[in-house]
Amino acid sequence: MGVEIERKFLLVGDAWRSLGEPVLLRQGYLSTDPDRTVRVRIEGEGATLTIKGRSEGATRGEWEYPVPLADAGELLDRLCQQPIIEKYRRRITFAGNVWEVDEFLGANAGLMFAEIELASEDQAFDKPDWIGEEVTHDRRYFNSSLIRLPFSQW
């Protein structure tokens, strides 16, 4: 079984904007059931289908598979729950870890946060100055929640 251990944080300031190259992501959900979330994502010229299990703390099962770009586009347009999520992602290395910084578009414009994947829930890590409040356990920040209740409606 694949495992994802991820923590999520709000951003402080704009120093992160000059770091990393922004890449457009388009993603949609075939299922947003907390026990079995199924996501389709196009990132640059690649596409994936991802299945995630229920979160237990900062850990959950995760399985990810490449899919043809054309198929992913059709799934996003025809089968995924609407609206889809669009965002720019920057991958920024800091103190030996990669931070994924997301800046949302559309109905979620104005929302920005960073995620870090860890080897264990208790793994120690250094935070850049632009990392703020932790929101790992706040379901509003799950991408699968943002299609039902976008940031613009909070």
Protein backbone atom coordinates (compact mmCIF):
# COMPACT_ATOMS: atom_id res chain seq x y z
CA MET A 1 0.00 0.00 0.00
CA GLY A 2 1.17 3.52 -0.78
CA VAL A 3 1.25 5.90 2.16
CA GLU A 4 1.16 9.68 2.20
CA ILE A 5 2.18 11.60 5.32
CA GLU A 6 1.53 15.25 4.65
CA ARG A 7 1.28 18.42 6.71
CA LYS A 8 -0.30 21.64 5.45
CA PHE A 9 0.42 25.26 6.42
CA LEU A 10 -0.86 28.71 5.52
CA LEU A 11 1.64 31.16 4.05
CA VAL A 12 3.03 34.37 5.52
CA GLY A 13 4.20 37.18 3.27
CA ASP A 14 5.29 36.87 -0.35
CA ALA A 15 8.93 35.70 -0.15
CA TRP A 16 7.91 32.28 -1.57
CA ARG A 17 6.81 33.92 -4.86
CA SER A 18 10.40 34.36 -6.05
CA LEU A 19 11.20 30.69 -5.39
CA GLY A 20 10.40 27.75 -7.65
CA GLU A 21 8.77 27.76 -11.05
CA PRO A 22 4.94 27.91 -11.06
CA VAL A 23 3.25 25.05 -12.93
CA LEU A 24 -0.48 25.02 -13.70
CA LEU A 25 -2.43 22.09 -12.23
CA ARG A 26 -6.00 21.19 -13.18
CA GLN A 27 -7.62 18.54 -11.04
CA GLY A 28 -11.05 17.10 -10.52
CA TYR A 29 -12.72 14.46 -8.39
CA LEU A 30 -14.58 11.33 -9.41
CA SER A 31 -15.27 10.65 -5.71
CA THR A 32 -14.94 12.91 -2.67
CA ASP A 33 -16.01 10.27 -0.15
CA PRO A 34 -13.53 10.62 2.76
CA ASP A 35 -13.02 6.82 2.71
CA ARG A 36 -12.06 6.76 -1.00
CA THR A 37 -11.18 9.99 -2.72
CA VAL A 38 -10.46 9.55 -6.45
CA ARG A 39 -8.73 12.42 -8.27
CA VAL A 40 -7.68 13.13 -11.85
CA ARG A 41 -4.87 15.66 -12.32
CA ILE A 42 -3.14 17.28 -15.27
CA GLU A 43 0.19 18.86 -14.36
CA GLY A 44 2.14 20.32 -17.25
CA GLU A 45 2.32 17.59 -19.91
CA GLY A 46 1.57 14.71 -17.54
CA ALA A 47 -1.59 13.29 -16.01
CA THR A 48 -2.37 10.98 -13.09
CA LEU A 49 -5.24 9.17 -11.45
CA THR A 50 -4.89 9.14 -7.65
CA ILE A 51 -6.84 7.17 -5.07
CA LYS A 52 -6.58 8.19 -1.43
CA GLY A 53 -8.01 6.58 1.69
CA ARG A 54 -9.33 8.17 4.87
CA SER A 55 -6.89 10.41 6.76
CA GLU A 56 -5.70 9.19 10.14
CA GLY A 57 -3.78 12.08 11.62
CA ALA A 58 -1.52 13.32 8.81
CA THR A 59 -1.35 9.83 7.21
CA ARG A 60 -3.48 8.13 4.59
CA GLY A 61 -3.22 5.48 1.90
CA GLU A 62 -2.36 6.80 -1.54
CA TRP A 63 -2.06 5.09 -4.92
CA GLU A 64 -1.12 7.07 -8.02
CA TYR A 65 -1.08 5.95 -11.67
CA PRO A 66 -0.14 7.74 -14.90
CA VAL A 67 -2.98 8.12 -17.43
CA PRO A 68 -2.95 9.42 -21.01
CA LEU A 69 -3.24 13.21 -21.14
CA ALA A 70 -6.23 13.10 -23.52
CA ASP A 71 -8.09 10.69 -21.22
CA ALA A 72 -7.43 12.92 -18.19
CA GLY A 73 -8.79 15.93 -20.10
CA GLU A 74 -11.97 14.05 -20.98
CA LEU A 75 -12.42 12.89 -17.40
CA LEU A 76 -12.00 16.46 -16.12
CA ASP A 77 -14.48 17.82 -18.63
CA ARG A 78 -17.10 15.06 -18.65
CA LEU A 79 -17.05 12.98 -15.45
CA CYS A 80 -15.43 14.93 -12.63
CA GLN A 81 -17.49 16.90 -10.14
CA GLN A 82 -17.58 20.56 -11.08
CA PRO A 83 -16.01 22.99 -10.68
CA ILE A 84 -12.55 21.55 -11.09
CA ILE A 85 -9.63 22.89 -9.05
CA GLU A 86 -7.09 25.05 -10.85
CA LYS A 87 -3.95 26.26 -9.15
CA TYR A 88 -0.31 27.11 -9.64
CA ARG A 89 2.16 24.92 -7.77
CA ARG A 90 5.75 25.73 -6.92
CA ARG A 91 8.10 23.07 -5.56
CA ILE A 92 10.61 24.73 -3.26
CA THR A 93 13.48 22.91 -1.55
CA PHE A 94 14.31 24.15 1.94
CA ALA A 95 16.62 22.47 4.48
CA GLY A 96 16.53 19.15 2.62
CA ASN A 97 12.74 18.96 2.20
CA VAL A 98 10.47 19.86 -0.70
CA TRP A 99 7.59 22.22 0.01
CA GLU A 100 4.71 22.30 -2.48
CA VAL A 101 3.23 25.80 -2.50
CA ASP A 102 -0.23 26.11 -4.07
CA GLU A 103 -1.87 29.34 -5.24
CA PHE A 104 -5.49 28.72 -6.20
CA LEU A 105 -7.47 30.24 -9.06
CA GLY A 106 -11.16 30.64 -9.88
CA ALA A 107 -13.63 30.26 -6.99
CA ASN A 108 -10.66 29.51 -4.69
CA ALA A 109 -8.61 32.58 -5.71
CA GLY A 110 -6.84 34.12 -2.74
CA LEU A 111 -6.20 30.77 -1.06
CA MET A 112 -2.52 29.87 -0.74
CA PHE A 113 -0.87 27.18 1.35
CA ALA A 114 2.17 24.91 1.47
CA GLU A 115 2.40 21.16 2.03
CA ILE A 116 5.34 19.02 3.05
CA GLU A 117 5.47 15.23 2.70
CA LEU A 118 7.27 13.41 5.50
CA ALA A 119 8.62 9.92 6.16
CA SER A 120 6.82 9.74 9.54
CA GLU A 121 4.31 11.86 11.44
CA ASP A 122 6.90 12.75 14.08
CA GLN A 123 9.66 13.65 11.61
CA ALA A 124 11.35 16.92 12.59
CA PHE A 125 11.75 19.56 9.87
CA ASP A 126 12.76 23.19 9.54
CA LYS A 127 10.18 25.73 8.38
CA PRO A 128 10.98 28.62 6.05
CA ASP A 129 10.06 32.12 7.27
CA TRP A 130 7.05 32.14 4.91
CA ILE A 131 5.34 29.21 6.69
CA GLY A 132 2.51 30.20 9.03
CA GLU A 133 -0.32 28.45 10.88
CA GLU A 134 -0.72 24.69 10.46
CA VAL A 135 -4.07 23.61 8.94
CA THR A 136 -3.38 19.89 8.40
CA HIS A 137 -6.48 18.76 10.26
CA ASP A 138 -8.87 21.44 8.97
CA ARG A 139 -10.95 19.66 6.28
CA ARG A 140 -11.84 23.00 4.63
CA TYR A 141 -8.31 23.02 3.18
CA PHE A 142 -8.63 19.58 1.54
CA ASN A 143 -8.76 20.08 -2.22
CA SER A 144 -11.70 17.67 -2.35
CA SER A 145 -13.58 19.99 0.04
CA LEU A 146 -12.83 23.09 -2.03
CA ILE A 147 -15.09 21.93 -4.87
CA ARG A 148 -18.08 21.75 -2.51
CA LEU A 149 -17.31 24.89 -0.52
CA PRO A 150 -14.84 27.13 -2.40
CA PHE A 151 -12.66 29.60 -0.53
CA SER A 152 -14.71 32.51 -1.96
CA GLN A 153 -17.72 31.28 0.08
CA TRP A 154 -15.99 31.02 3.47
